Amino acid sequence: LGMMKKSVFDIITPMLSGSLFLDLYAGVGSVG
């Protein structure tokens, strides 16, 4: 859900730049 995604990404944004990210059970890929 959009609200949940916004909250999660607000928390992890400082770690994202240049990161190697693994999206397990990726579905249509929206999180990755």
Full PDB file with SEQRES, HELIX, SHEET, SSBOND, CRYST1, ORIGX, SCALE, CONECT and MASTER records, all heavy atoms in Angstrom:
SEQRES   1 A   32  LEU GLY MET MET LYS LYS SER VAL PHE ASP ILE ILE THR          
SEQRES   2 A   32  PRO MET LEU SER GLY SER LEU PHE LEU ASP LEU TYR ALA          
SEQRES   3 A   32  GLY VAL GLY SER VAL GLY                                      
HELIX    1 AA1 GLY A    2  LEU A   16  1                                  15    
CRYST1    1.000    1.000    1.000  90.00  90.00  90.00 P 1           1          
ORIGX1      1.000000  0.000000  0.000000        0.00000                         
ORIGX2      0.000000  1.000000  0.000000        0.00000                         
ORIGX3      0.000000  0.000000  1.000000        0.00000                         
SCALE1      1.000000  0.000000  0.000000        0.00000                         
SCALE2      0.000000  1.000000  0.000000        0.00000                         
SCALE3      0.000000  0.000000  1.000000        0.00000                         
ATOM      1  N   LEU A   1       0.828  -1.196   0.000  1.00  0.00           N  
ATOM      2  CA  LEU A   1       0.000   0.000   0.000  1.00  0.00           C  
ATOM      3  C   LEU A   1       0.869   1.254   0.000  1.00  0.00           C  
ATOM      4  O   LEU A   1       1.941   1.285   0.601  1.00  0.00           O  
ATOM      5  CB  LEU A   1      -0.907   0.003   1.222  1.00  0.00           C  
ATOM      6  CG  LEU A   1      -1.909  -1.150   1.315  1.00  0.00           C  
ATOM      7  CD1 LEU A   1      -2.642  -1.113   2.645  1.00  0.00           C  
ATOM      8  CD2 LEU A   1      -2.894  -1.109   0.160  1.00  0.00           C  
ATOM      9  N   GLY A   2       0.379   2.304  -0.655  1.00  0.00           N  
ATOM     10  CA  GLY A   2       1.138   3.547  -0.789  1.00  0.00           C  
ATOM     11  C   GLY A   2       1.587   4.153   0.526  1.00  0.00           C  
ATOM     12  O   GLY A   2       2.734   4.576   0.670  1.00  0.00           O  
ATOM     13  N   MET A   3       0.683   4.187   1.525  1.00  0.00           N  
ATOM     14  CA  MET A   3       1.029   4.774   2.821  1.00  0.00           C  
ATOM     15  C   MET A   3       2.147   3.965   3.492  1.00  0.00           C  
ATOM     16  O   MET A   3       3.082   4.518   4.066  1.00  0.00           O  
ATOM     17  CB  MET A   3      -0.206   4.791   3.724  1.00  0.00           C  
ATOM     18  CG  MET A   3       0.045   5.331   5.117  1.00  0.00           C  
ATOM     19  SD  MET A   3      -1.368   5.129   6.206  1.00  0.00           S  
ATOM     20  CE  MET A   3      -1.316   3.379   6.524  1.00  0.00           C  
ATOM     21  N   MET A   4       2.051   2.634   3.394  1.00  0.00           N  
ATOM     22  CA  MET A   4       3.059   1.773   3.991  1.00  0.00           C  
ATOM     23  C   MET A   4       4.398   1.939   3.259  1.00  0.00           C  
ATOM     24  O   MET A   4       5.447   2.041   3.893  1.00  0.00           O  
ATOM     25  CB  MET A   4       2.586   0.310   3.901  1.00  0.00           C  
ATOM     26  CG  MET A   4       3.397  -0.643   4.699  1.00  0.00           C  
ATOM     27  SD  MET A   4       2.899  -2.392   4.527  1.00  0.00           S  
ATOM     28  CE  MET A   4       1.194  -2.359   4.087  1.00  0.00           C  
ATOM     29  N   LYS A   5       4.346   1.995   1.928  1.00  0.00           N  
ATOM     30  CA  LYS A   5       5.572   2.164   1.150  1.00  0.00           C  
ATOM     31  C   LYS A   5       6.247   3.490   1.479  1.00  0.00           C  
ATOM     32  O   LYS A   5       7.458   3.552   1.670  1.00  0.00           O  
ATOM     33  CB  LYS A   5       5.278   2.077  -0.351  1.00  0.00           C  
ATOM     34  CG  LYS A   5       6.551   1.988  -1.175  1.00  0.00           C  
ATOM     35  CD  LYS A   5       6.385   2.100  -2.676  1.00  0.00           C  
ATOM     36  CE  LYS A   5       5.347   1.295  -3.309  1.00  0.00           C  
ATOM     37  NZ  LYS A   5       5.364   1.428  -4.791  1.00  0.00           N  
ATOM     38  N   LYS A   6       5.446   4.560   1.578  1.00  0.00           N  
ATOM     39  CA  LYS A   6       6.002   5.868   1.919  1.00  0.00           C  
ATOM     40  C   LYS A   6       6.693   5.823   3.276  1.00  0.00           C  
ATOM     41  O   LYS A   6       7.818   6.304   3.431  1.00  0.00           O  
ATOM     42  CB  LYS A   6       4.919   6.946   1.919  1.00  0.00           C  
ATOM     43  CG  LYS A   6       5.459   8.329   2.256  1.00  0.00           C  
ATOM     44  CD  LYS A   6       4.365   9.355   2.366  1.00  0.00           C  
ATOM     45  CE  LYS A   6       4.863  10.733   2.693  1.00  0.00           C  
ATOM     46  NZ  LYS A   6       6.007  10.866   3.562  1.00  0.00           N  
ATOM     47  N   SER A   7       6.048   5.223   4.249  1.00  0.00           N  
ATOM     48  CA  SER A   7       6.611   5.129   5.591  1.00  0.00           C  
ATOM     49  C   SER A   7       7.929   4.346   5.595  1.00  0.00           C  
ATOM     50  O   SER A   7       8.929   4.784   6.161  1.00  0.00           O  
ATOM     51  CB  SER A   7       5.595   4.472   6.530  1.00  0.00           C  
ATOM     52  OG  SER A   7       6.145   4.289   7.803  1.00  0.00           O  
ATOM     53  N   VAL A   8       7.929   3.180   4.948  1.00  0.00           N  
ATOM     54  CA  VAL A   8       9.140   2.349   4.897  1.00  0.00           C  
ATOM     55  C   VAL A   8      10.274   3.104   4.211  1.00  0.00           C  
ATOM     56  O   VAL A   8      11.407   3.139   4.705  1.00  0.00           O  
ATOM     57  CB  VAL A   8       8.863   1.002   4.193  1.00  0.00           C  
ATOM     58  CG1 VAL A   8      10.161   0.280   3.840  1.00  0.00           C  
ATOM     59  CG2 VAL A   8       7.970   0.121   5.061  1.00  0.00           C  
ATOM     60  N   PHE A   9       9.985   3.741   3.083  1.00  0.00           N  
ATOM     61  CA  PHE A   9      11.046   4.445   2.363  1.00  0.00           C  
ATOM     62  C   PHE A   9      11.492   5.713   3.085  1.00  0.00           C  
ATOM     63  O   PHE A   9      12.659   6.094   2.979  1.00  0.00           O  
ATOM     64  CB  PHE A   9      10.663   4.682   0.898  1.00  0.00           C  
ATOM     65  CG  PHE A   9      10.952   3.484   0.046  1.00  0.00           C  
ATOM     66  CD1 PHE A   9       9.988   2.508  -0.163  1.00  0.00           C  
ATOM     67  CD2 PHE A   9      12.216   3.286  -0.489  1.00  0.00           C  
ATOM     68  CE1 PHE A   9      10.269   1.379  -0.915  1.00  0.00           C  
ATOM     69  CE2 PHE A   9      12.513   2.163  -1.240  1.00  0.00           C  
ATOM     70  CZ  PHE A   9      11.534   1.200  -1.454  1.00  0.00           C  
ATOM     71  N   ASP A  10      10.624   6.344   3.848  1.00  0.00           N  
ATOM     72  CA  ASP A  10      11.061   7.472   4.682  1.00  0.00           C  
ATOM     73  C   ASP A  10      12.093   6.990   5.708  1.00  0.00           C  
ATOM     74  O   ASP A  10      13.056   7.696   6.011  1.00  0.00           O  
ATOM     75  CB  ASP A  10       9.876   8.116   5.402  1.00  0.00           C  
ATOM     76  CG  ASP A  10       9.012   8.989   4.492  1.00  0.00           C  
ATOM     77  OD1 ASP A  10       9.430   9.260   3.344  1.00  0.00           O  
ATOM     78  OD2 ASP A  10       7.907   9.370   4.933  1.00  0.00           O  
ATOM     79  N   ILE A  11      11.899   5.787   6.236  1.00  0.00           N  
ATOM     80  CA  ILE A  11      12.818   5.225   7.227  1.00  0.00           C  
ATOM     81  C   ILE A  11      14.163   4.855   6.610  1.00  0.00           C  
ATOM     82  O   ILE A  11      15.216   5.120   7.181  1.00  0.00           O  
ATOM     83  CB  ILE A  11      12.178   3.988   7.909  1.00  0.00           C  
ATOM     84  CG1 ILE A  11      10.971   4.422   8.760  1.00  0.00           C  
ATOM     85  CG2 ILE A  11      13.200   3.233   8.764  1.00  0.00           C  
ATOM     86  CD1 ILE A  11      10.066   3.282   9.192  1.00  0.00           C  
ATOM     87  N   ILE A  12      14.151   4.267   5.400  1.00  0.00           N  
ATOM     88  CA  ILE A  12      15.407   3.728   4.825  1.00  0.00           C  
ATOM     89  C   ILE A  12      16.106   4.662   3.842  1.00  0.00           C  
ATOM     90  O   ILE A  12      17.214   4.353   3.399  1.00  0.00           O  
ATOM     91  CB  ILE A  12      15.183   2.349   4.168  1.00  0.00           C  
ATOM     92  CG1 ILE A  12      14.295   2.454   2.919  1.00  0.00           C  
ATOM     93  CG2 ILE A  12      14.645   1.357   5.181  1.00  0.00           C  
ATOM     94  CD1 ILE A  12      14.240   1.184   2.092  1.00  0.00           C  
ATOM     95  N   THR A  13      15.505   5.805   3.525  1.00  0.00           N  
ATOM     96  CA  THR A  13      16.110   6.710   2.542  1.00  0.00           C  
ATOM     97  C   THR A  13      17.582   7.019   2.807  1.00  0.00           C  
ATOM     98  O   THR A  13      18.389   6.995   1.875  1.00  0.00           O  
ATOM     99  CB  THR A  13      15.280   8.002   2.399  1.00  0.00           C  
ATOM    100  OG1 THR A  13      14.054   7.662   1.748  1.00  0.00           O  
ATOM    101  CG2 THR A  13      15.994   9.057   1.584  1.00  0.00           C  
ATOM    102  N   PRO A  14      18.002   7.263   4.055  1.00  0.00           N  
ATOM    103  CA  PRO A  14      19.424   7.568   4.271  1.00  0.00           C  
ATOM    104  C   PRO A  14      20.368   6.421   3.871  1.00  0.00           C  
ATOM    105  O   PRO A  14      21.542   6.653   3.617  1.00  0.00           O  
ATOM    106  CB  PRO A  14      19.514   7.814   5.787  1.00  0.00           C  
ATOM    107  CG  PRO A  14      18.132   8.175   6.208  1.00  0.00           C  
ATOM    108  CD  PRO A  14      17.217   7.430   5.285  1.00  0.00           C  
ATOM    109  N   MET A  15      19.867   5.204   3.777  1.00  0.00           N  
ATOM    110  CA  MET A  15      20.699   4.045   3.440  1.00  0.00           C  
ATOM    111  C   MET A  15      20.676   3.700   1.948  1.00  0.00           C  
ATOM    112  O   MET A  15      21.439   2.853   1.508  1.00  0.00           O  
ATOM    113  CB  MET A  15      20.212   2.813   4.196  1.00  0.00           C  
ATOM    114  CG  MET A  15      20.245   2.933   5.692  1.00  0.00           C  
ATOM    115  SD  MET A  15      19.654   1.404   6.439  1.00  0.00           S  
ATOM    116  CE  MET A  15      20.974   0.293   5.985  1.00  0.00           C  
ATOM    117  N   LEU A  16      19.787   4.297   1.175  1.00  0.00           N  
ATOM    118  CA  LEU A  16      19.537   3.851  -0.197  1.00  0.00           C  
ATOM    119  C   LEU A  16      20.618   4.220  -1.205  1.00  0.00           C  
ATOM    120  O   LEU A  16      20.918   3.446  -2.104  1.00  0.00           O  
ATOM    121  CB  LEU A  16      18.199   4.388  -0.695  1.00  0.00           C  
ATOM    122  CG  LEU A  16      16.991   3.535  -0.341  1.00  0.00           C  
ATOM    123  CD1 LEU A  16      15.715   4.258  -0.717  1.00  0.00           C  
ATOM    124  CD2 LEU A  16      17.058   2.190  -0.992  1.00  0.00           C  
ATOM    125  N   SER A  17      21.187   5.394  -1.093  1.00  0.00           N  
ATOM    126  CA  SER A  17      22.121   5.869  -2.107  1.00  0.00           C  
ATOM    127  C   SER A  17      23.287   4.894  -2.300  1.00  0.00           C  
ATOM    128  O   SER A  17      24.031   4.605  -1.375  1.00  0.00           O  
ATOM    129  CB  SER A  17      22.649   7.254  -1.726  1.00  0.00           C  
ATOM    130  OG  SER A  17      23.496   7.733  -2.749  1.00  0.00           O  
ATOM    131  N   GLY A  18      23.396   4.382  -3.516  1.00  0.00           N  
ATOM    132  CA  GLY A  18      24.489   3.471  -3.860  1.00  0.00           C  
ATOM    133  C   GLY A  18      24.359   2.064  -3.305  1.00  0.00           C  
ATOM    134  O   GLY A  18      25.290   1.266  -3.393  1.00  0.00           O  
ATOM    135  N   SER A  19      23.199   1.727  -2.761  1.00  0.00           N  
ATOM    136  CA  SER A  19      23.032   0.427  -2.103  1.00  0.00           C  
ATOM    137  C   SER A  19      22.776  -0.715  -3.080  1.00  0.00           C  
ATOM    138  O   SER A  19      22.323  -0.509  -4.203  1.00  0.00           O  
ATOM    139  CB  SER A  19      21.879   0.486  -1.102  1.00  0.00           C  
ATOM    140  OG  SER A  19      20.646   0.675  -1.784  1.00  0.00           O  
ATOM    141  N   LEU A  20      23.081  -1.914  -2.616  1.00  0.00           N  
ATOM    142  CA  LEU A  20      22.713  -3.148  -3.301  1.00  0.00           C  
ATOM    143  C   LEU A  20      21.476  -3.668  -2.573  1.00  0.00           C  
ATOM    144  O   LEU A  20      21.513  -3.931  -1.370  1.00  0.00           O  
ATOM    145  CB  LEU A  20      23.857  -4.160  -3.254  1.00  0.00           C  
ATOM    146  CG  LEU A  20      23.671  -5.455  -4.038  1.00  0.00           C  
ATOM    147  CD1 LEU A  20      23.325  -5.189  -5.505  1.00  0.00           C  
ATOM    148  CD2 LEU A  20      24.941  -6.292  -3.960  1.00  0.00           C  
ATOM    149  N   PHE A  21      20.364  -3.791  -3.296  1.00  0.00           N  
ATOM    150  CA  PHE A  21      19.036  -4.028  -2.726  1.00  0.00           C  
ATOM    151  C   PHE A  21      18.503  -5.344  -3.265  1.00  0.00           C  
ATOM    152  O   PHE A  21      18.525  -5.585  -4.471  1.00  0.00           O  
ATOM    153  CB  PHE A  21      18.130  -2.866  -3.151  1.00  0.00           C  
ATOM    154  CG  PHE A  21      16.799  -2.774  -2.464  1.00  0.00           C  
ATOM    155  CD1 PHE A  21      16.599  -1.839  -1.460  1.00  0.00           C  
ATOM    156  CD2 PHE A  21      15.733  -3.579  -2.846  1.00  0.00           C  
ATOM    157  CE1 PHE A  21      15.351  -1.712  -0.847  1.00  0.00           C  
ATOM    158  CE2 PHE A  21      14.496  -3.460  -2.233  1.00  0.00           C  
ATOM    159  CZ  PHE A  21      14.298  -2.523  -1.229  1.00  0.00           C  
ATOM    160  N   LEU A  22      18.016  -6.205  -2.394  1.00  0.00           N  
ATOM    161  CA  LEU A  22      17.413  -7.477  -2.788  1.00  0.00           C  
ATOM    162  C   LEU A  22      15.927  -7.419  -2.486  1.00  0.00           C  
ATOM    163  O   LEU A  22      15.524  -7.188  -1.348  1.00  0.00           O  
ATOM    164  CB  LEU A  22      18.065  -8.635  -2.028  1.00  0.00           C  
ATOM    165  CG  LEU A  22      17.501 -10.044  -2.266  1.00  0.00           C  
ATOM    166  CD1 LEU A  22      17.594 -10.455  -3.737  1.00  0.00           C  
ATOM    167  CD2 LEU A  22      18.230 -11.059  -1.383  1.00  0.00           C  
ATOM    168  N   ASP A  23      15.093  -7.630  -3.513  1.00  0.00           N  
ATOM    169  CA  ASP A  23      13.639  -7.607  -3.388  1.00  0.00           C  
ATOM    170  C   ASP A  23      13.128  -9.044  -3.525  1.00  0.00           C  
ATOM    171  O   ASP A  23      13.023  -9.572  -4.630  1.00  0.00           O  
ATOM    172  CB  ASP A  23      13.049  -6.696  -4.475  1.00  0.00           C  
ATOM    173  CG  ASP A  23      11.547  -6.470  -4.340  1.00  0.00           C  
ATOM    174  OD1 ASP A  23      10.912  -7.086  -3.469  1.00  0.00           O  
ATOM    175  OD2 ASP A  23      11.013  -5.672  -5.140  1.00  0.00           O  
ATOM    176  N   LEU A  24      12.860  -9.690  -2.379  1.00  0.00           N  
ATOM    177  CA  LEU A  24      12.381 -11.068  -2.363  1.00  0.00           C  
ATOM    178  C   LEU A  24      10.862 -11.096  -2.473  1.00  0.00           C  
ATOM    179  O   LEU A  24      10.192 -10.272  -1.868  1.00  0.00           O  
ATOM    180  CB  LEU A  24      12.815 -11.764  -1.069  1.00  0.00           C  
ATOM    181  CG  LEU A  24      14.321 -11.885  -0.837  1.00  0.00           C  
ATOM    182  CD1 LEU A  24      14.603 -12.449   0.553  1.00  0.00           C  
ATOM    183  CD2 LEU A  24      14.957 -12.764  -1.908  1.00  0.00           C  
ATOM    184  N   TYR A  25      10.327 -12.056  -3.216  1.00  0.00           N  
ATOM    185  CA  TYR A  25       8.889 -12.117  -3.503  1.00  0.00           C  
ATOM    186  C   TYR A  25       8.491 -10.807  -4.180  1.00  0.00           C  
ATOM    187  O   TYR A  25       7.581 -10.103  -3.743  1.00  0.00           O  
ATOM    188  CB  TYR A  25       8.070 -12.327  -2.220  1.00  0.00           C  
ATOM    189  CG  TYR A  25       8.499 -13.509  -1.381  1.00  0.00           C  
ATOM    190  CD1 TYR A  25       9.354 -13.337  -0.294  1.00  0.00           C  
ATOM    191  CD2 TYR A  25       8.049 -14.789  -1.667  1.00  0.00           C  
ATOM    192  CE1 TYR A  25       9.746 -14.411   0.488  1.00  0.00           C  
ATOM    193  CE2 TYR A  25       8.442 -15.879  -0.893  1.00  0.00           C  
ATOM    194  CZ  TYR A  25       9.280 -15.671   0.191  1.00  0.00           C  
ATOM    195  OH  TYR A  25       9.667 -16.744   0.964  1.00  0.00           O  
ATOM    196  N   ALA A  26       9.156 -10.479  -5.259  1.00  0.00           N  
ATOM    197  CA  ALA A  26       9.102  -9.140  -5.850  1.00  0.00           C  
ATOM    198  C   ALA A  26       7.764  -8.744  -6.458  1.00  0.00           C  
ATOM    199  O   ALA A  26       7.524  -7.554  -6.658  1.00  0.00           O  
ATOM    200  CB  ALA A  26      10.203  -9.001  -6.901  1.00  0.00           C  
ATOM    201  N   GLY A  27       6.898  -9.684  -6.768  1.00  0.00           N  
ATOM    202  CA  GLY A  27       5.624  -9.317  -7.387  1.00  0.00           C  
ATOM    203  C   GLY A  27       5.855  -8.626  -8.713  1.00  0.00           C  
ATOM    204  O   GLY A  27       6.529  -9.156  -9.590  1.00  0.00           O  
ATOM    205  N   VAL A  28       5.329  -7.412  -8.884  1.00  0.00           N  
ATOM    206  CA  VAL A  28       5.540  -6.655 -10.126  1.00  0.00           C  
ATOM    207  C   VAL A  28       6.745  -5.728 -10.028  1.00  0.00           C  
ATOM    208  O   VAL A  28       7.022  -4.959 -10.939  1.00  0.00           O  
ATOM    209  CB  VAL A  28       4.272  -5.864 -10.546  1.00  0.00           C  
ATOM    210  CG1 VAL A  28       3.122  -6.812 -10.808  1.00  0.00           C  
ATOM    211  CG2 VAL A  28       3.904  -4.799  -9.539  1.00  0.00           C  
ATOM    212  N   GLY A  29       7.464  -5.789  -8.898  1.00  0.00           N  
ATOM    213  CA  GLY A  29       8.706  -5.038  -8.760  1.00  0.00           C  
ATOM    214  C   GLY A  29       8.572  -3.652  -8.171  1.00  0.00           C  
ATOM    215  O   GLY A  29       9.528  -2.878  -8.185  1.00  0.00           O  
ATOM    216  N   SER A  30       7.420  -3.312  -7.610  1.00  0.00           N  
ATOM    217  CA  SER A  30       7.210  -1.927  -7.176  1.00  0.00           C  
ATOM    218  C   SER A  30       8.165  -1.476  -6.064  1.00  0.00           C  
ATOM    219  O   SER A  30       8.607  -0.333  -6.063  1.00  0.00           O  
ATOM    220  CB  SER A  30       5.759  -1.692  -6.744  1.00  0.00           C  
ATOM    221  OG  SER A  30       5.466  -2.337  -5.532  1.00  0.00           O  
ATOM    222  N   VAL A  31       8.516  -2.367  -5.141  1.00  0.00           N  
ATOM    223  CA  VAL A  31       9.415  -1.969  -4.049  1.00  0.00           C  
ATOM    224  C   VAL A  31      10.839  -1.781  -4.575  1.00  0.00           C  
ATOM    225  O   VAL A  31      11.485  -0.767  -4.299  1.00  0.00           O  
ATOM    226  CB  VAL A  31       9.361  -2.991  -2.890  1.00  0.00           C  
ATOM    227  CG1 VAL A  31      10.427  -2.682  -1.843  1.00  0.00           C  
ATOM    228  CG2 VAL A  31       7.977  -2.997  -2.253  1.00  0.00           C  
ATOM    229  N   GLY A  32      11.332  -2.730  -5.348  1.00  0.00           N  
ATOM    230  CA  GLY A  32      12.677  -2.605  -5.908  1.00  0.00           C  
ATOM    231  C   GLY A  32      12.802  -1.433  -6.860  1.00  0.00           C  
ATOM    232  O   GLY A  32      13.825  -0.729  -6.877  1.00  0.00           O  
TER     233      GLY A  32                                                      
MASTER        0    0    0    1    0    0    0    6  232    1    0    3          
END                                                                             
